[in-house]
Amino acid sequence: MKDLSFFHENQLTDHGESLFEHLPGFLYFVKDKDLRFVAVNNRLCEKIGAPAEEILGKTDYDFFPPSRADAFAKDDRQVLETGVPIHNKVELVPRGKGFVDWSSTTKVALRNQSGEIIAVAGTTRPFASGLSGIDIDSELGDVLKHMRENFSNSLKVTDLARMAHLSVSAFERKFKKHLHMTPLHYIRHLRIQDACYQLSHDSMPLSQIAANCGFVDQSHFSREFSRIMNETPLSYRKRHRASS
C-alpha cells in the first residue's frame, strides 16, 4: 500500500511495489526525504504489527527502539544525500522475545522526472535465503557449518581457508563474494546473535556471557555488541527481559 498523494505529486507511477509483494520473505518500503513511510508491503506490515494505514506517514522511530531506528535512519540519509545505493548490507534484526535474525538490506534513491532525489526505496530479505545454492554449498558449506558450530572458540582464517582448500586471499575473496562480509565479521555476528539470546533468556553476568560467546573479556564483548546492535548489552537485556 502507498501514499498516492506523494507519488502523484512527485510524478512517480511504478516503484516495484507489486513485485516485492509476491517474493517470499521480502520486506519492502519507500520513505520520503523526512524518512516517513510512503509505501510498504504486507510483509512489512506484519513485521511491524500494524496495518498500512497506521504506518504510512510515520517513521521508524514510531515502531522500533531508538537504537535500531538510528541505524536505519543513518543509512537512509546516506542514500538520500549521496544517491549512492547500499547493496546487500548484512545486519542482525530483532524478531521478538530477544531473538535476532540475519537479514540483507538494499537501499536505492528514487528520483523524480527532473532527476531530483525525493525518496529512498529498500528491501530487506532473510539472509538465509542468500546462503543457498550449489556454489556456496559446494565451496563453503563445510566451512560455514564449522563456523556456526564453533564460533565461541578461537577460529583462525588460515585454518578456515585450509578447510576450504583455498589460499587465505582466495578464501577471503570467495567468502566476501557470497556473504558480503569477511570471515571475521561473520564470526563476530554469530557471537552477537548468540549473545542476544543469552541476554534475554538468562540472568548470568555479562562477563560469563562474554566468555560463553568467545569474546576476550566483558569490555571486548560490550564494544562489539554496541557496534553491531547499536545499544549496550545491559540496555538490550533490560528491554527484552522487561517485555518477556
C-alpha atoms as a PDB file:
ATOM      1  CA  MET A   1       0.000   0.000   0.000  1.00  0.00           C
ATOM      2  CA  LYS A   2       1.250   3.513  -0.742  1.00  0.00           C
ATOM      3  CA  ASP A   3       0.529   7.170  -0.117  1.00  0.00           C
ATOM      4  CA  LEU A   4      -0.911   8.053  -3.522  1.00  0.00           C
ATOM      5  CA  SER A   5      -0.641  11.793  -2.924  1.00  0.00           C
ATOM      6  CA  PHE A   6       3.137  11.535  -2.551  1.00  0.00           C
ATOM      7  CA  PHE A   7       3.546   9.557  -5.768  1.00  0.00           C
ATOM      8  CA  HIS A   8       1.173  11.751  -7.773  1.00  0.00           C
ATOM      9  CA  GLU A   9       2.853  14.919  -6.515  1.00  0.00           C
ATOM     10  CA  ASN A  10       6.283  13.632  -7.497  1.00  0.00           C
ATOM     11  CA  GLN A  11       5.099  12.058 -10.763  1.00  0.00           C
ATOM     12  CA  LEU A  12       6.160   8.570  -9.738  1.00  0.00           C
ATOM     13  CA  THR A  13       3.998   5.789 -11.083  1.00  0.00           C
ATOM     14  CA  ASP A  14       5.705   2.418 -10.695  1.00  0.00           C
ATOM     15  CA  HIS A  15       8.316   1.796  -7.996  1.00  0.00           C
ATOM     16  CA  GLY A  16       8.211  -2.015  -7.966  1.00  0.00           C
ATOM     17  CA  GLU A  17       5.804  -2.418  -5.063  1.00  0.00           C
ATOM     18  CA  SER A  18       3.813  -5.224  -6.686  1.00  0.00           C
ATOM     19  CA  LEU A  19       6.964  -7.228  -7.433  1.00  0.00           C
ATOM     20  CA  PHE A  20       8.061  -7.415  -3.794  1.00  0.00           C
ATOM     21  CA  GLU A  21       4.552  -8.248  -2.611  1.00  0.00           C
ATOM     22  CA  HIS A  22       4.950 -11.687  -4.156  1.00  0.00           C
ATOM     23  CA  LEU A  23       8.544 -12.513  -3.185  1.00  0.00           C
ATOM     24  CA  PRO A  24       8.504 -14.690  -0.023  1.00  0.00           C
ATOM     25  CA  GLY A  25      10.162 -13.109   2.993  1.00  0.00           C
ATOM     26  CA  PHE A  26      10.884  -9.728   1.386  1.00  0.00           C
ATOM     27  CA  LEU A  27      10.114  -6.535   3.297  1.00  0.00           C
ATOM     28  CA  TYR A  28       9.641  -3.513   1.045  1.00  0.00           C
ATOM     29  CA  PHE A  29       9.353   0.188   1.825  1.00  0.00           C
ATOM     30  CA  VAL A  30       9.683   3.673   0.409  1.00  0.00           C
ATOM     31  CA  LYS A  31      10.454   6.667   2.633  1.00  0.00           C
ATOM     32  CA  ASP A  32      10.318  10.350   1.723  1.00  0.00           C
ATOM     33  CA  LYS A  33      13.096  12.861   2.490  1.00  0.00           C
ATOM     34  CA  ASP A  34      11.757  13.233   6.031  1.00  0.00           C
ATOM     35  CA  LEU A  35      12.107   9.434   6.424  1.00  0.00           C
ATOM     36  CA  ARG A  36       8.341   8.946   6.624  1.00  0.00           C
ATOM     37  CA  PHE A  37       6.952   5.742   5.144  1.00  0.00           C
ATOM     38  CA  VAL A  38       5.070   6.420   1.905  1.00  0.00           C
ATOM     39  CA  ALA A  39       4.867   2.795   0.706  1.00  0.00           C
ATOM     40  CA  VAL A  40       5.048  -0.581   2.455  1.00  0.00           C
ATOM     41  CA  ASN A  41       4.224  -4.150   1.523  1.00  0.00           C
ATOM     42  CA  ASN A  42       2.095  -6.537   3.545  1.00  0.00           C
ATOM     43  CA  ARG A  43       5.107  -8.413   4.861  1.00  0.00           C
ATOM     44  CA  LEU A  44       6.500  -5.251   6.453  1.00  0.00           C
ATOM     45  CA  CYS A  45       3.093  -4.530   7.998  1.00  0.00           C
ATOM     46  CA  GLU A  46       3.176  -7.993   9.561  1.00  0.00           C
ATOM     47  CA  LYS A  47       6.725  -7.398  10.826  1.00  0.00           C
ATOM     48  CA  ILE A  48       5.787  -4.102  12.441  1.00  0.00           C
ATOM     49  CA  GLY A  49       2.459  -5.420  13.686  1.00  0.00           C
ATOM     50  CA  ALA A  50       0.275  -2.632  12.326  1.00  0.00           C
ATOM     51  CA  PRO A  51      -1.883  -2.080   9.216  1.00  0.00           C
ATOM     52  CA  ALA A  52      -0.504   0.062   6.411  1.00  0.00           C
ATOM     53  CA  GLU A  53      -2.896   2.884   7.297  1.00  0.00           C
ATOM     54  CA  GLU A  54      -1.155   3.235  10.667  1.00  0.00           C
ATOM     55  CA  ILE A  55       2.372   3.042   9.206  1.00  0.00           C
ATOM     56  CA  LEU A  56       2.177   5.467   6.273  1.00  0.00           C
ATOM     57  CA  GLY A  57       3.264   8.945   7.286  1.00  0.00           C
ATOM     58  CA  LYS A  58       5.206   7.699  10.307  1.00  0.00           C
ATOM     59  CA  THR A  59       8.895   6.861  10.752  1.00  0.00           C
ATOM     60  CA  ASP A  60      10.947   4.002  12.149  1.00  0.00           C
ATOM     61  CA  TYR A  61      11.050   5.825  15.472  1.00  0.00           C
ATOM     62  CA  ASP A  62       7.331   5.133  15.893  1.00  0.00           C
ATOM     63  CA  PHE A  63       7.843   1.363  15.699  1.00  0.00           C
ATOM     64  CA  PHE A  64      11.426   0.401  16.595  1.00  0.00           C
ATOM     65  CA  PRO A  65      13.739   1.000  19.574  1.00  0.00           C
ATOM     66  CA  PRO A  66      15.707   4.252  19.167  1.00  0.00           C
ATOM     67  CA  SER A  67      18.973   2.367  18.703  1.00  0.00           C
ATOM     68  CA  ARG A  68      17.620   0.448  15.693  1.00  0.00           C
ATOM     69  CA  ALA A  69      15.777   3.463  14.280  1.00  0.00           C
ATOM     70  CA  ASP A  70      19.017   5.486  14.468  1.00  0.00           C
ATOM     71  CA  ALA A  71      20.823   2.815  12.437  1.00  0.00           C
ATOM     72  CA  PHE A  72      18.063   2.688   9.803  1.00  0.00           C
ATOM     73  CA  ALA A  73      17.951   6.495   9.578  1.00  0.00           C
ATOM     74  CA  LYS A  74      21.718   6.779   9.160  1.00  0.00           C
ATOM     75  CA  ASP A  75      21.649   4.545   6.076  1.00  0.00           C
ATOM     76  CA  ASP A  76      18.522   6.231   4.684  1.00  0.00           C
ATOM     77  CA  ARG A  77      20.101   9.686   4.936  1.00  0.00           C
ATOM     78  CA  GLN A  78      23.303   8.439   3.332  1.00  0.00           C
ATOM     79  CA  VAL A  79      21.367   7.267   0.271  1.00  0.00           C
ATOM     80  CA  LEU A  80      19.218  10.412   0.134  1.00  0.00           C
ATOM     81  CA  GLU A  81      22.232  12.712   0.391  1.00  0.00           C
ATOM     82  CA  THR A  82      24.619  10.906  -1.949  1.00  0.00           C
ATOM     83  CA  GLY A  83      22.386   8.928  -4.285  1.00  0.00           C
ATOM     84  CA  VAL A  84      24.783   6.003  -3.860  1.00  0.00           C
ATOM     85  CA  PRO A  85      22.895   2.743  -3.240  1.00  0.00           C
ATOM     86  CA  ILE A  86      23.590   0.364  -0.384  1.00  0.00           C
ATOM     87  CA  HIS A  87      23.648  -3.220  -1.631  1.00  0.00           C
ATOM     88  CA  ASN A  88      23.159  -6.351   0.467  1.00  0.00           C
ATOM     89  CA  LYS A  89      24.089  -4.901   3.853  1.00  0.00           C
ATOM     90  CA  VAL A  90      24.032  -7.800   6.295  1.00  0.00           C
ATOM     91  CA  GLU A  91      22.531  -6.980   9.690  1.00  0.00           C
ATOM     92  CA  LEU A  92      21.079  -8.612  12.760  1.00  0.00           C
ATOM     93  CA  VAL A  93      17.481  -7.525  13.253  1.00  0.00           C
ATOM     94  CA  PRO A  94      15.104  -8.315  16.127  1.00  0.00           C
ATOM     95  CA  ARG A  95      12.221 -10.725  15.609  1.00  0.00           C
ATOM     96  CA  GLY A  96      10.775 -10.650  19.111  1.00  0.00           C
ATOM     97  CA  LYS A  97      11.408 -12.182  22.540  1.00  0.00           C
ATOM     98  CA  GLY A  98      15.109 -11.424  22.379  1.00  0.00           C
ATOM     99  CA  PHE A  99      15.774 -13.385  19.201  1.00  0.00           C
ATOM    100  CA  VAL A 100      17.587 -11.766  16.296  1.00  0.00           C
ATOM    101  CA  ASP A 101      17.769 -12.930  12.700  1.00  0.00           C
ATOM    102  CA  TRP A 102      20.206 -12.235   9.897  1.00  0.00           C
ATOM    103  CA  SER A 103      18.906 -10.018   7.134  1.00  0.00           C
ATOM    104  CA  SER A 104      20.264  -8.482   3.954  1.00  0.00           C
ATOM    105  CA  THR A 105      19.149  -4.955   3.087  1.00  0.00           C
ATOM    106  CA  THR A 106      19.426  -2.976  -0.135  1.00  0.00           C
ATOM    107  CA  LYS A 107      18.505   0.714  -0.408  1.00  0.00           C
ATOM    108  CA  VAL A 108      18.379   2.914  -3.515  1.00  0.00           C
ATOM    109  CA  ALA A 109      17.442   6.514  -4.240  1.00  0.00           C
ATOM    110  CA  LEU A 110      14.249   7.337  -6.151  1.00  0.00           C
ATOM    111  CA  ARG A 111      14.295  10.386  -8.405  1.00  0.00           C
ATOM    112  CA  ASN A 112      11.553  12.445  -9.995  1.00  0.00           C
ATOM    113  CA  GLN A 113      11.478  13.347 -13.691  1.00  0.00           C
ATOM    114  CA  SER A 114      13.841  16.258 -13.035  1.00  0.00           C
ATOM    115  CA  GLY A 115      16.433  13.937 -11.556  1.00  0.00           C
ATOM    116  CA  GLU A 116      15.970  15.185  -8.003  1.00  0.00           C
ATOM    117  CA  ILE A 117      16.205  12.575  -5.238  1.00  0.00           C
ATOM    118  CA  ILE A 118      12.844  12.552  -3.482  1.00  0.00           C
ATOM    119  CA  ALA A 119      12.760   9.207  -1.664  1.00  0.00           C
ATOM    120  CA  VAL A 120      14.658   6.098  -0.640  1.00  0.00           C
ATOM    121  CA  ALA A 121      13.341   2.646  -1.515  1.00  0.00           C
ATOM    122  CA  GLY A 122      14.539  -0.500   0.162  1.00  0.00           C
ATOM    123  CA  THR A 123      14.148  -4.236   0.509  1.00  0.00           C
ATOM    124  CA  THR A 124      15.127  -6.486   3.370  1.00  0.00           C
ATOM    125  CA  ARG A 125      15.184 -10.242   2.985  1.00  0.00           C
ATOM    126  CA  PRO A 126      16.143 -13.095   5.294  1.00  0.00           C
ATOM    127  CA  PHE A 127      19.887 -13.529   4.971  1.00  0.00           C
ATOM    128  CA  ALA A 128      19.491 -17.309   4.927  1.00  0.00           C
ATOM    129  CA  SER A 129      17.885 -17.074   1.505  1.00  0.00           C
ATOM    130  CA  GLY A 130      21.206 -15.769   0.216  1.00  0.00           C
ATOM    131  CA  LEU A 131      23.129 -18.762   1.567  1.00  0.00           C
ATOM    132  CA  SER A 132      21.515 -21.421  -0.573  1.00  0.00           C
ATOM    133  CA  GLY A 133      22.709 -22.562  -3.951  1.00  0.00           C
ATOM    134  CA  ILE A 134      25.135 -25.026  -5.444  1.00  0.00           C
ATOM    135  CA  ASP A 135      28.159 -22.716  -5.391  1.00  0.00           C
ATOM    136  CA  ILE A 136      28.183 -21.830  -1.728  1.00  0.00           C
ATOM    137  CA  ASP A 137      27.150 -25.332  -0.633  1.00  0.00           C
ATOM    138  CA  SER A 138      29.984 -26.946  -2.549  1.00  0.00           C
ATOM    139  CA  GLU A 139      32.631 -24.298  -1.910  1.00  0.00           C
ATOM    140  CA  LEU A 140      31.938 -23.042   1.599  1.00  0.00           C
ATOM    141  CA  GLY A 141      29.240 -25.268   3.052  1.00  0.00           C
ATOM    142  CA  ASP A 142      31.522 -27.274   5.346  1.00  0.00           C
ATOM    143  CA  VAL A 143      33.370 -24.177   6.498  1.00  0.00           C
ATOM    144  CA  LEU A 144      30.161 -22.301   7.308  1.00  0.00           C
ATOM    145  CA  LYS A 145      28.868 -25.283   9.272  1.00  0.00           C
ATOM    146  CA  HIS A 146      32.137 -25.434  11.210  1.00  0.00           C
ATOM    147  CA  MET A 147      31.935 -21.681  11.957  1.00  0.00           C
ATOM    148  CA  ARG A 148      28.343 -21.905  13.168  1.00  0.00           C
ATOM    149  CA  GLU A 149      29.181 -24.823  15.458  1.00  0.00           C
ATOM    150  CA  ASN A 150      32.478 -23.431  16.801  1.00  0.00           C
ATOM    151  CA  PHE A 151      32.131 -19.627  16.806  1.00  0.00           C
ATOM    152  CA  SER A 152      32.770 -19.441  20.557  1.00  0.00           C
ATOM    153  CA  ASN A 153      36.225 -20.937  20.044  1.00  0.00           C
ATOM    154  CA  SER A 154      39.288 -19.235  18.597  1.00  0.00           C
ATOM    155  CA  LEU A 155      38.931 -19.596  14.821  1.00  0.00           C
ATOM    156  CA  LYS A 156      41.817 -18.619  12.560  1.00  0.00           C
ATOM    157  CA  VAL A 157      41.251 -17.580   8.969  1.00  0.00           C
ATOM    158  CA  THR A 158      44.281 -19.636   7.927  1.00  0.00           C
ATOM    159  CA  ASP A 159      42.659 -22.789   9.328  1.00  0.00           C
ATOM    160  CA  LEU A 160      39.317 -21.989   7.705  1.00  0.00           C
ATOM    161  CA  ALA A 161      40.986 -21.389   4.345  1.00  0.00           C
ATOM    162  CA  ARG A 162      42.804 -24.711   4.638  1.00  0.00           C
ATOM    163  CA  MET A 163      39.495 -26.426   5.357  1.00  0.00           C
ATOM    164  CA  ALA A 164      38.095 -24.909   2.157  1.00  0.00           C
ATOM    165  CA  HIS A 165      41.217 -25.998   0.234  1.00  0.00           C
ATOM    166  CA  LEU A 166      41.941 -22.390  -0.705  1.00  0.00           C
ATOM    167  CA  SER A 167      44.667 -19.854  -0.100  1.00  0.00           C
ATOM    168  CA  VAL A 168      43.823 -17.224   2.512  1.00  0.00           C
ATOM    169  CA  SER A 169      43.348 -14.498  -0.097  1.00  0.00           C
ATOM    170  CA  ALA A 170      41.175 -16.692  -2.330  1.00  0.00           C
ATOM    171  CA  PHE A 171      39.115 -17.830   0.660  1.00  0.00           C
ATOM    172  CA  GLU A 172      38.506 -14.280   1.859  1.00  0.00           C
ATOM    173  CA  ARG A 173      37.525 -13.155  -1.660  1.00  0.00           C
ATOM    174  CA  LYS A 174      35.100 -16.021  -2.121  1.00  0.00           C
ATOM    175  CA  PHE A 175      33.657 -15.598   1.376  1.00  0.00           C
ATOM    176  CA  LYS A 176      33.009 -11.894   0.857  1.00  0.00           C
ATOM    177  CA  LYS A 177      31.510 -12.517  -2.578  1.00  0.00           C
ATOM    178  CA  HIS A 178      28.927 -14.920  -1.159  1.00  0.00           C
ATOM    179  CA  LEU A 179      28.281 -13.440   2.289  1.00  0.00           C
ATOM    180  CA  HIS A 180      29.076  -9.740   1.771  1.00  0.00           C
ATOM    181  CA  MET A 181      31.367  -9.680   4.809  1.00  0.00           C
ATOM    182  CA  THR A 182      34.740 -11.026   5.865  1.00  0.00           C
ATOM    183  CA  PRO A 183      35.103 -14.334   7.756  1.00  0.00           C
ATOM    184  CA  LEU A 184      35.997 -12.455  10.953  1.00  0.00           C
ATOM    185  CA  HIS A 185      32.922 -10.234  10.638  1.00  0.00           C
ATOM    186  CA  TYR A 186      30.782 -13.321  10.173  1.00  0.00           C
ATOM    187  CA  ILE A 187      32.195 -14.883  13.343  1.00  0.00           C
ATOM    188  CA  ARG A 188      31.525 -11.692  15.308  1.00  0.00           C
ATOM    189  CA  HIS A 189      27.941 -11.612  14.077  1.00  0.00           C
ATOM    190  CA  LEU A 190      27.449 -15.258  15.081  1.00  0.00           C
ATOM    191  CA  ARG A 191      28.717 -14.434  18.558  1.00  0.00           C
ATOM    192  CA  ILE A 192      26.443 -11.414  18.901  1.00  0.00           C
ATOM    193  CA  GLN A 193      23.457 -13.422  17.678  1.00  0.00           C
ATOM    194  CA  ASP A 194      24.026 -15.972  20.432  1.00  0.00           C
ATOM    195  CA  ALA A 195      24.672 -13.226  22.989  1.00  0.00           C
ATOM    196  CA  CYS A 196      21.296 -11.639  22.188  1.00  0.00           C
ATOM    197  CA  TYR A 197      19.562 -14.886  23.088  1.00  0.00           C
ATOM    198  CA  GLN A 198      21.539 -15.336  26.307  1.00  0.00           C
ATOM    199  CA  LEU A 199      20.963 -11.740  27.404  1.00  0.00           C
ATOM    200  CA  SER A 200      17.210 -12.065  27.050  1.00  0.00           C
ATOM    201  CA  HIS A 201      16.799 -15.606  28.373  1.00  0.00           C
ATOM    202  CA  ASP A 202      19.386 -15.933  31.142  1.00  0.00           C
ATOM    203  CA  SER A 203      20.408 -13.892  34.173  1.00  0.00           C
ATOM    204  CA  MET A 204      24.096 -14.856  34.172  1.00  0.00           C
ATOM    205  CA  PRO A 205      26.632 -11.993  34.464  1.00  0.00           C
ATOM    206  CA  LEU A 206      27.752 -10.214  31.325  1.00  0.00           C
ATOM    207  CA  SER A 207      31.280 -11.478  31.897  1.00  0.00           C
ATOM    208  CA  GLN A 208      30.022 -15.065  31.686  1.00  0.00           C
ATOM    209  CA  ILE A 209      28.038 -14.386  28.511  1.00  0.00           C
ATOM    210  CA  ALA A 210      31.144 -12.779  27.020  1.00  0.00           C
ATOM    211  CA  ALA A 211      33.157 -15.920  27.773  1.00  0.00           C
ATOM    212  CA  ASN A 212      30.395 -18.232  26.514  1.00  0.00           C
ATOM    213  CA  CYS A 213      30.264 -16.428  23.181  1.00  0.00           C
ATOM    214  CA  GLY A 214      34.012 -16.331  22.613  1.00  0.00           C
ATOM    215  CA  PHE A 215      34.907 -12.745  23.484  1.00  0.00           C
ATOM    216  CA  VAL A 216      38.213 -11.938  25.155  1.00  0.00           C
ATOM    217  CA  ASP A 217      36.530 -10.195  28.086  1.00  0.00           C
ATOM    218  CA  GLN A 218      33.434  -8.225  29.046  1.00  0.00           C
ATOM    219  CA  SER A 219      34.856  -4.971  27.710  1.00  0.00           C
ATOM    220  CA  HIS A 220      35.508  -6.501  24.292  1.00  0.00           C
ATOM    221  CA  PHE A 221      32.029  -8.016  24.293  1.00  0.00           C
ATOM    222  CA  SER A 222      30.380  -4.686  25.167  1.00  0.00           C
ATOM    223  CA  ARG A 223      32.242  -2.819  22.421  1.00  0.00           C
ATOM    224  CA  GLU A 224      31.373  -5.343  19.722  1.00  0.00           C
ATOM    225  CA  PHE A 225      27.767  -5.684  20.856  1.00  0.00           C
ATOM    226  CA  SER A 226      27.243  -1.909  20.881  1.00  0.00           C
ATOM    227  CA  ARG A 227      28.825  -1.545  17.459  1.00  0.00           C
ATOM    228  CA  ILE A 228      26.644  -4.198  15.822  1.00  0.00           C
ATOM    229  CA  MET A 229      23.374  -3.770  17.744  1.00  0.00           C
ATOM    230  CA  ASN A 230      23.568  -0.007  18.373  1.00  0.00           C
ATOM    231  CA  GLU A 231      22.923  -0.402  22.090  1.00  0.00           C
ATOM    232  CA  THR A 232      24.757  -1.811  25.083  1.00  0.00           C
ATOM    233  CA  PRO A 233      24.309  -5.417  26.265  1.00  0.00           C
ATOM    234  CA  LEU A 234      22.771  -4.146  29.515  1.00  0.00           C
ATOM    235  CA  SER A 235      20.262  -1.984  27.666  1.00  0.00           C
ATOM    236  CA  TYR A 236      19.337  -4.903  25.421  1.00  0.00           C
ATOM    237  CA  ARG A 237      18.879  -7.186  28.424  1.00  0.00           C
ATOM    238  CA  LYS A 238      16.704  -4.711  30.340  1.00  0.00           C
ATOM    239  CA  ARG A 239      14.490  -4.026  27.341  1.00  0.00           C
ATOM    240  CA  HIS A 240      13.896  -7.664  26.431  1.00  0.00           C
ATOM    241  CA  ARG A 241      13.671  -9.045  29.960  1.00  0.00           C
ATOM    242  CA  ALA A 242      11.091  -6.360  30.778  1.00  0.00           C
ATOM    243  CA  SER A 243       8.968  -7.321  27.755  1.00  0.00           C
ATOM    244  CA  SER A 244       9.136 -11.072  28.347  1.00  0.00           C
END
